[in-house]
Amino acid sequence: MTEPLLEIGSLTVTYRGRRRRSAAPALRDISLSLGPGETLGIVGESGSGKSTLGKAVLGLAPVVSGTVRWRGRDITSATARERRALSREIQVVFQDPYSSLNPHRTVGQSILETLAASGEEHSPQARSRAADLLTRVGLDPTAFDRYPRQFSGGQRQRIAIARAVLPGPSLIICDEVVSALDLSVQAQVINLLTDLQTDHELSYLFITHDLSVVRHLCRRVVVLEHGRLVEQGTTQRVLDHPEDPYTERLCLAAPVLDPDQQRTRREARRAAQAR
């Protein structure tokens, strides 16, 4: 049996309020795993703890208890130096690529800075790899010397993806990477992620509220509600035959194109909420 890349065990994350005595648990006793080459969907409504889970893996959330293990090694309390080394293996793509790209640096400079921890960012080989990646994600080679403001939202997201892939990671955390894009651009980015996963043997922790995207990309899915894990399993089983009432309501809330089917789903959702 293949060992998991990422294991999260009984993880609890709590954010402190303005008053020291007040605390808001964002995640409560979460356990899950992610295998090599797998895409694991993390779904739930706003405030369910999806993004906090990704931040905990990246060391950006206050873990109260539990563990985050990478390739069997506990990285829950990794030092800043250890985190810099881990950045070669674990990368992230956020919802808003413009906020994660320095507007005063060219696209090429922003992409190459992901190699700073290894000291490779100024090498000719790194520049060549970055330029090749920009072409691979569907951008013109001239993009390398241009600035983020000169690109559309979809193009900036492609730049952010190229930036995440450049160090050669095994895991990319995708935090709502297509939710701000038009539907046609969403499809292009999803296809790009699928192709890159095959080419670079990537695993994705895919955080989203869009169940249709989860159906397309993810083999397994985890459902969060108010920081609790309420259900997990294969995508087909969880979305087609949900066992938890919250998952059922979440599935019924997903829009469909057929108006009659949508009306039936609304009625079914009202009945589920009344139970």
Protein backbone atom coordinates (compact mmCIF):
# COMPACT_ATOMS: atom_id res chain seq x y z
CA MET A 1 0.00 0.00 0.00
CA THR A 2 1.34 3.46 -0.95
CA GLU A 3 2.23 5.66 2.01
CA PRO A 4 0.29 8.97 2.12
CA LEU A 5 2.10 12.19 1.34
CA LEU A 6 0.05 14.21 3.81
CA GLU A 7 -1.56 13.03 7.03
CA ILE A 8 -3.61 15.26 9.31
CA GLY A 9 -4.43 13.75 12.69
CA SER A 10 -6.98 15.09 15.21
CA LEU A 11 -6.16 18.66 14.19
CA THR A 12 -7.68 21.53 16.16
CA VAL A 13 -7.10 25.18 15.25
CA THR A 14 -8.29 28.05 17.43
CA TYR A 15 -8.15 31.76 16.67
CA ARG A 16 -7.88 34.10 19.64
CA GLY A 17 -10.31 36.98 19.84
CA ARG A 18 -9.50 40.55 20.85
CA ARG A 19 -10.03 39.56 24.46
CA ARG A 20 -7.54 36.96 25.57
CA ARG A 21 -10.18 34.77 27.18
CA SER A 22 -12.27 34.54 24.02
CA ALA A 23 -11.34 31.95 21.42
CA ALA A 24 -13.02 30.73 18.25
CA PRO A 25 -12.30 27.13 17.20
CA ALA A 26 -11.92 27.10 13.42
CA LEU A 27 -11.15 23.37 13.10
CA ARG A 28 -12.07 20.64 15.56
CA ASP A 29 -10.44 17.22 15.62
CA ILE A 30 -9.89 16.90 11.85
CA SER A 31 -8.24 13.75 10.47
CA LEU A 32 -7.58 12.99 6.80
CA SER A 33 -4.88 11.83 4.41
CA LEU A 34 -3.76 12.54 0.85
CA GLY A 35 -1.90 10.09 -1.38
CA PRO A 36 0.65 10.67 -4.16
CA GLY A 37 -0.95 11.89 -7.39
CA GLU A 38 -4.35 12.29 -5.72
CA THR A 39 -6.74 15.24 -5.72
CA LEU A 40 -8.67 15.54 -2.46
CA GLY A 41 -11.61 17.95 -2.44
CA ILE A 42 -12.35 20.03 0.68
CA VAL A 43 -15.88 21.45 0.53
CA GLY A 44 -18.25 23.36 2.78
CA GLU A 45 -19.94 26.72 3.13
CA SER A 46 -18.11 29.95 3.95
CA GLY A 47 -16.79 29.73 7.50
CA SER A 48 -16.60 25.95 7.48
CA GLY A 49 -12.81 25.93 7.96
CA LYS A 50 -11.72 24.99 4.43
CA SER A 51 -9.08 27.70 4.01
CA THR A 52 -7.95 27.31 7.62
CA LEU A 53 -7.15 23.68 6.87
CA GLY A 54 -4.89 24.74 4.01
CA LYS A 55 -3.23 27.37 6.21
CA ALA A 56 -2.57 24.76 8.90
CA VAL A 57 -0.71 22.61 6.37
CA LEU A 58 1.33 25.68 5.37
CA GLY A 59 2.08 26.58 9.00
CA LEU A 60 -0.01 29.76 8.84
CA ALA A 61 -2.73 28.83 11.36
CA PRO A 62 -2.50 28.47 15.17
CA VAL A 63 -2.66 24.72 15.79
CA VAL A 64 -3.83 23.96 19.34
CA SER A 65 -3.58 20.17 19.13
CA GLY A 66 -3.14 17.37 16.62
CA THR A 67 -0.51 16.85 13.93
CA VAL A 68 0.31 17.61 10.32
CA ARG A 69 2.68 15.00 8.89
CA TRP A 70 4.48 15.27 5.54
CA ARG A 71 5.97 12.05 4.16
CA GLY A 72 5.73 10.65 7.69
CA ARG A 73 7.51 13.62 9.32
CA ASP A 74 5.72 15.85 11.83
CA ILE A 75 5.76 19.42 10.43
CA THR A 76 3.12 20.88 12.77
CA SER A 77 5.65 23.10 14.54
CA ALA A 78 8.25 23.36 11.78
CA THR A 79 10.67 26.29 12.12
CA ALA A 80 10.90 29.11 9.58
CA ARG A 81 14.01 27.52 8.12
CA GLU A 82 12.27 24.15 7.81
CA ARG A 83 9.27 25.85 6.17
CA ARG A 84 11.52 27.46 3.56
CA ALA A 85 12.91 24.03 2.72
CA LEU A 86 9.38 22.59 2.58
CA SER A 87 8.36 25.24 0.04
CA ARG A 88 10.07 23.18 -2.63
CA GLU A 89 7.65 20.33 -1.88
CA ILE A 90 4.47 22.15 -0.86
CA GLN A 91 3.15 25.13 -2.83
CA VAL A 92 -0.12 27.07 -2.83
CA VAL A 93 -2.33 28.89 -5.36
CA PHE A 94 -4.81 31.37 -3.88
CA GLN A 95 -8.20 32.60 -5.09
CA ASP A 96 -6.96 36.09 -6.01
CA PRO A 97 -3.70 35.79 -7.95
CA TYR A 98 -3.25 39.55 -8.19
CA SER A 99 -2.86 39.87 -4.41
CA SER A 100 -0.17 37.16 -4.38
CA LEU A 101 1.84 38.74 -7.23
CA ASN A 102 3.95 41.79 -6.46
CA PRO A 103 2.67 44.52 -8.83
CA HIS A 104 6.12 46.13 -8.88
CA ARG A 105 7.91 42.99 -10.08
CA THR A 106 7.72 41.45 -13.52
CA VAL A 107 6.00 38.12 -14.01
CA GLY A 108 9.38 36.47 -14.47
CA GLN A 109 10.71 37.90 -11.21
CA SER A 110 7.59 36.79 -9.32
CA ILE A 111 7.83 33.26 -10.67
CA LEU A 112 11.56 32.93 -10.01
CA GLU A 113 11.29 34.07 -6.39
CA THR A 114 9.86 30.65 -5.48
CA LEU A 115 13.41 29.33 -6.03
CA ALA A 116 14.98 31.82 -3.59
CA ALA A 117 15.19 29.24 -0.78
CA SER A 118 17.45 27.05 -2.91
CA GLY A 119 19.49 29.92 -4.36
CA GLU A 120 18.56 29.07 -7.95
CA GLU A 121 16.45 32.10 -8.85
CA HIS A 122 19.20 33.94 -10.78
CA SER A 123 20.51 31.00 -12.79
CA PRO A 124 20.02 30.89 -16.59
CA GLN A 125 18.59 27.39 -16.25
CA ALA A 126 15.89 28.63 -13.85
CA ARG A 127 14.95 31.47 -16.22
CA SER A 128 14.67 28.99 -19.08
CA ARG A 129 12.46 26.65 -17.02
CA ALA A 130 10.23 29.56 -15.95
CA ALA A 131 9.82 30.74 -19.54
CA ASP A 132 8.98 27.20 -20.64
CA LEU A 133 6.37 26.92 -17.88
CA LEU A 134 4.71 30.18 -18.95
CA THR A 135 4.37 28.72 -22.44
CA ARG A 136 3.08 25.46 -20.93
CA VAL A 137 0.27 27.28 -19.11
CA GLY A 138 -0.79 29.01 -22.32
CA LEU A 139 0.94 32.40 -22.17
CA ASP A 140 3.13 34.14 -24.71
CA PRO A 141 6.91 34.07 -23.94
CA THR A 142 6.85 37.89 -23.76
CA ALA A 143 4.83 37.55 -20.55
CA PHE A 144 8.08 36.96 -18.68
CA ASP A 145 9.06 40.66 -18.80
CA ARG A 146 5.62 42.16 -18.33
CA TYR A 147 3.76 43.13 -15.13
CA PRO A 148 0.72 41.45 -13.48
CA ARG A 149 -1.53 44.47 -14.19
CA GLN A 150 -1.15 43.80 -17.92
CA PHE A 151 -3.00 40.48 -17.69
CA SER A 152 -6.60 39.38 -17.19
CA GLY A 153 -7.74 37.48 -14.10
CA GLY A 154 -7.57 34.14 -15.88
CA GLN A 155 -4.07 34.89 -17.20
CA ARG A 156 -2.89 35.94 -13.74
CA GLN A 157 -4.17 32.67 -12.34
CA ARG A 158 -2.16 30.81 -14.98
CA ILE A 159 0.89 32.79 -13.87
CA ALA A 160 0.21 31.84 -10.24
CA ILE A 161 -0.06 28.18 -11.24
CA ALA A 162 3.24 28.34 -13.18
CA ARG A 163 4.81 29.98 -10.13
CA ALA A 164 3.64 27.12 -7.89
CA VAL A 165 4.82 24.40 -10.29
CA LEU A 166 8.33 25.81 -10.90
CA PRO A 167 10.04 24.52 -7.70
CA GLY A 168 8.91 20.97 -8.55
CA PRO A 169 6.52 20.37 -5.62
CA SER A 170 4.66 17.16 -4.85
CA LEU A 171 1.64 18.98 -3.37
CA ILE A 172 -0.15 22.14 -4.42
CA ILE A 173 -2.85 23.55 -2.16
CA CYS A 174 -5.50 25.08 -4.44
CA ASP A 175 -7.61 27.53 -2.42
CA GLU A 176 -10.69 28.49 -4.48
CA VAL A 177 -8.49 28.82 -7.57
CA VAL A 178 -11.36 29.03 -10.07
CA SER A 179 -14.16 30.64 -8.05
CA ALA A 180 -13.36 34.20 -9.23
CA LEU A 181 -13.14 33.25 -12.92
CA ASP A 182 -15.73 33.19 -15.71
CA LEU A 183 -17.14 29.75 -16.51
CA SER A 184 -15.28 29.39 -19.79
CA VAL A 185 -12.00 30.38 -18.12
CA GLN A 186 -12.75 28.02 -15.22
CA ALA A 187 -12.91 25.10 -17.62
CA GLN A 188 -9.57 26.07 -19.18
CA VAL A 189 -7.84 26.34 -15.80
CA ILE A 190 -9.32 23.03 -14.60
CA ASN A 191 -8.07 21.29 -17.74
CA LEU A 192 -4.66 22.91 -17.22
CA LEU A 193 -4.49 21.64 -13.63
CA THR A 194 -5.38 18.14 -14.81
CA ASP A 195 -2.68 18.17 -17.49
CA LEU A 196 -0.04 19.51 -15.09
CA GLN A 197 -0.95 16.86 -12.54
CA THR A 198 -0.18 14.16 -15.10
CA ASP A 199 2.98 15.82 -16.40
CA HIS A 200 4.49 16.64 -12.99
CA GLU A 201 2.99 13.87 -10.79
CA LEU A 202 1.26 16.42 -8.56
CA SER A 203 -1.14 15.98 -5.68
CA TYR A 204 -3.78 18.63 -5.03
CA LEU A 205 -5.56 19.63 -1.84
CA PHE A 206 -8.46 21.29 -3.64
CA ILE A 207 -10.44 23.74 -1.51
CA THR A 208 -13.69 24.88 -3.10
CA HIS A 209 -17.41 25.48 -2.63
CA ASP A 210 -18.20 24.37 -6.20
CA LEU A 211 -19.38 20.77 -6.19
CA SER A 212 -19.38 20.54 -9.99
CA VAL A 213 -15.62 21.22 -9.99
CA VAL A 214 -15.15 18.58 -7.29
CA ARG A 215 -16.98 16.02 -9.43
CA HIS A 216 -14.65 16.74 -12.32
CA LEU A 217 -11.32 16.84 -10.48
CA CYS A 218 -11.48 14.90 -7.22
CA ARG A 219 -11.48 11.18 -6.52
CA ARG A 220 -12.26 11.72 -2.84
CA VAL A 221 -13.95 14.56 -0.95
CA VAL A 222 -14.08 15.83 2.63
CA VAL A 223 -17.07 17.85 3.87
CA LEU A 224 -16.58 20.45 6.63
CA GLU A 225 -19.27 22.21 8.66
CA HIS A 226 -18.35 24.85 11.26
CA GLY A 227 -14.87 23.37 11.59
CA ARG A 228 -16.03 19.78 11.98
CA LEU A 229 -15.50 16.97 9.49
CA VAL A 230 -18.99 15.63 8.90
CA GLU A 231 -18.37 13.25 6.01
CA GLN A 232 -15.64 11.94 3.72
CA GLY A 233 -15.36 9.27 1.04
CA THR A 234 -15.28 8.85 -2.71
CA THR A 235 -16.69 11.83 -4.58
CA GLN A 236 -19.39 9.79 -6.28
CA ARG A 237 -20.59 8.20 -3.04
CA VAL A 238 -20.58 11.39 -0.97
CA LEU A 239 -22.25 13.64 -3.57
CA ASP A 240 -24.73 11.10 -4.96
CA HIS A 241 -25.58 9.34 -1.70
CA PRO A 242 -24.76 11.69 1.19
CA GLU A 243 -25.08 10.19 4.65
CA ASP A 244 -24.94 13.39 6.71
CA PRO A 245 -27.90 15.84 6.61
CA TYR A 246 -25.54 18.78 6.10
CA THR A 247 -23.93 17.14 3.07
CA GLU A 248 -27.38 16.45 1.69
CA ARG A 249 -28.38 20.12 2.04
CA LEU A 250 -25.09 21.19 0.47
CA CYS A 251 -25.68 18.95 -2.55
CA LEU A 252 -29.27 20.12 -2.94
CA ALA A 253 -28.13 23.76 -2.87
CA ALA A 254 -25.88 23.26 -5.90
CA PRO A 255 -27.54 24.88 -8.97
CA VAL A 256 -28.55 22.87 -12.03
CA LEU A 257 -29.49 24.09 -15.51
CA ASP A 258 -32.87 22.36 -15.83
CA PRO A 259 -35.54 24.64 -14.19
CA ASP A 260 -37.85 21.73 -13.33
CA GLN A 261 -35.00 19.84 -11.71
CA GLN A 262 -33.94 22.99 -9.89
CA ARG A 263 -37.49 23.43 -8.55
CA THR A 264 -37.52 19.82 -7.35
CA ARG A 265 -34.15 20.32 -5.64
CA ARG A 266 -35.37 23.46 -3.86
CA GLU A 267 -38.36 21.55 -2.50
CA ALA A 268 -36.15 18.69 -1.42
CA ARG A 269 -33.80 21.14 0.30
CA ARG A 270 -36.68 22.75 2.23
CA ALA A 271 -37.79 19.29 3.35
CA ALA A 272 -34.23 18.41 4.40
CA GLN A 273 -33.94 21.66 6.41
CA ALA A 274 -37.24 20.95 8.13
CA ARG A 275 -36.07 17.56 9.37
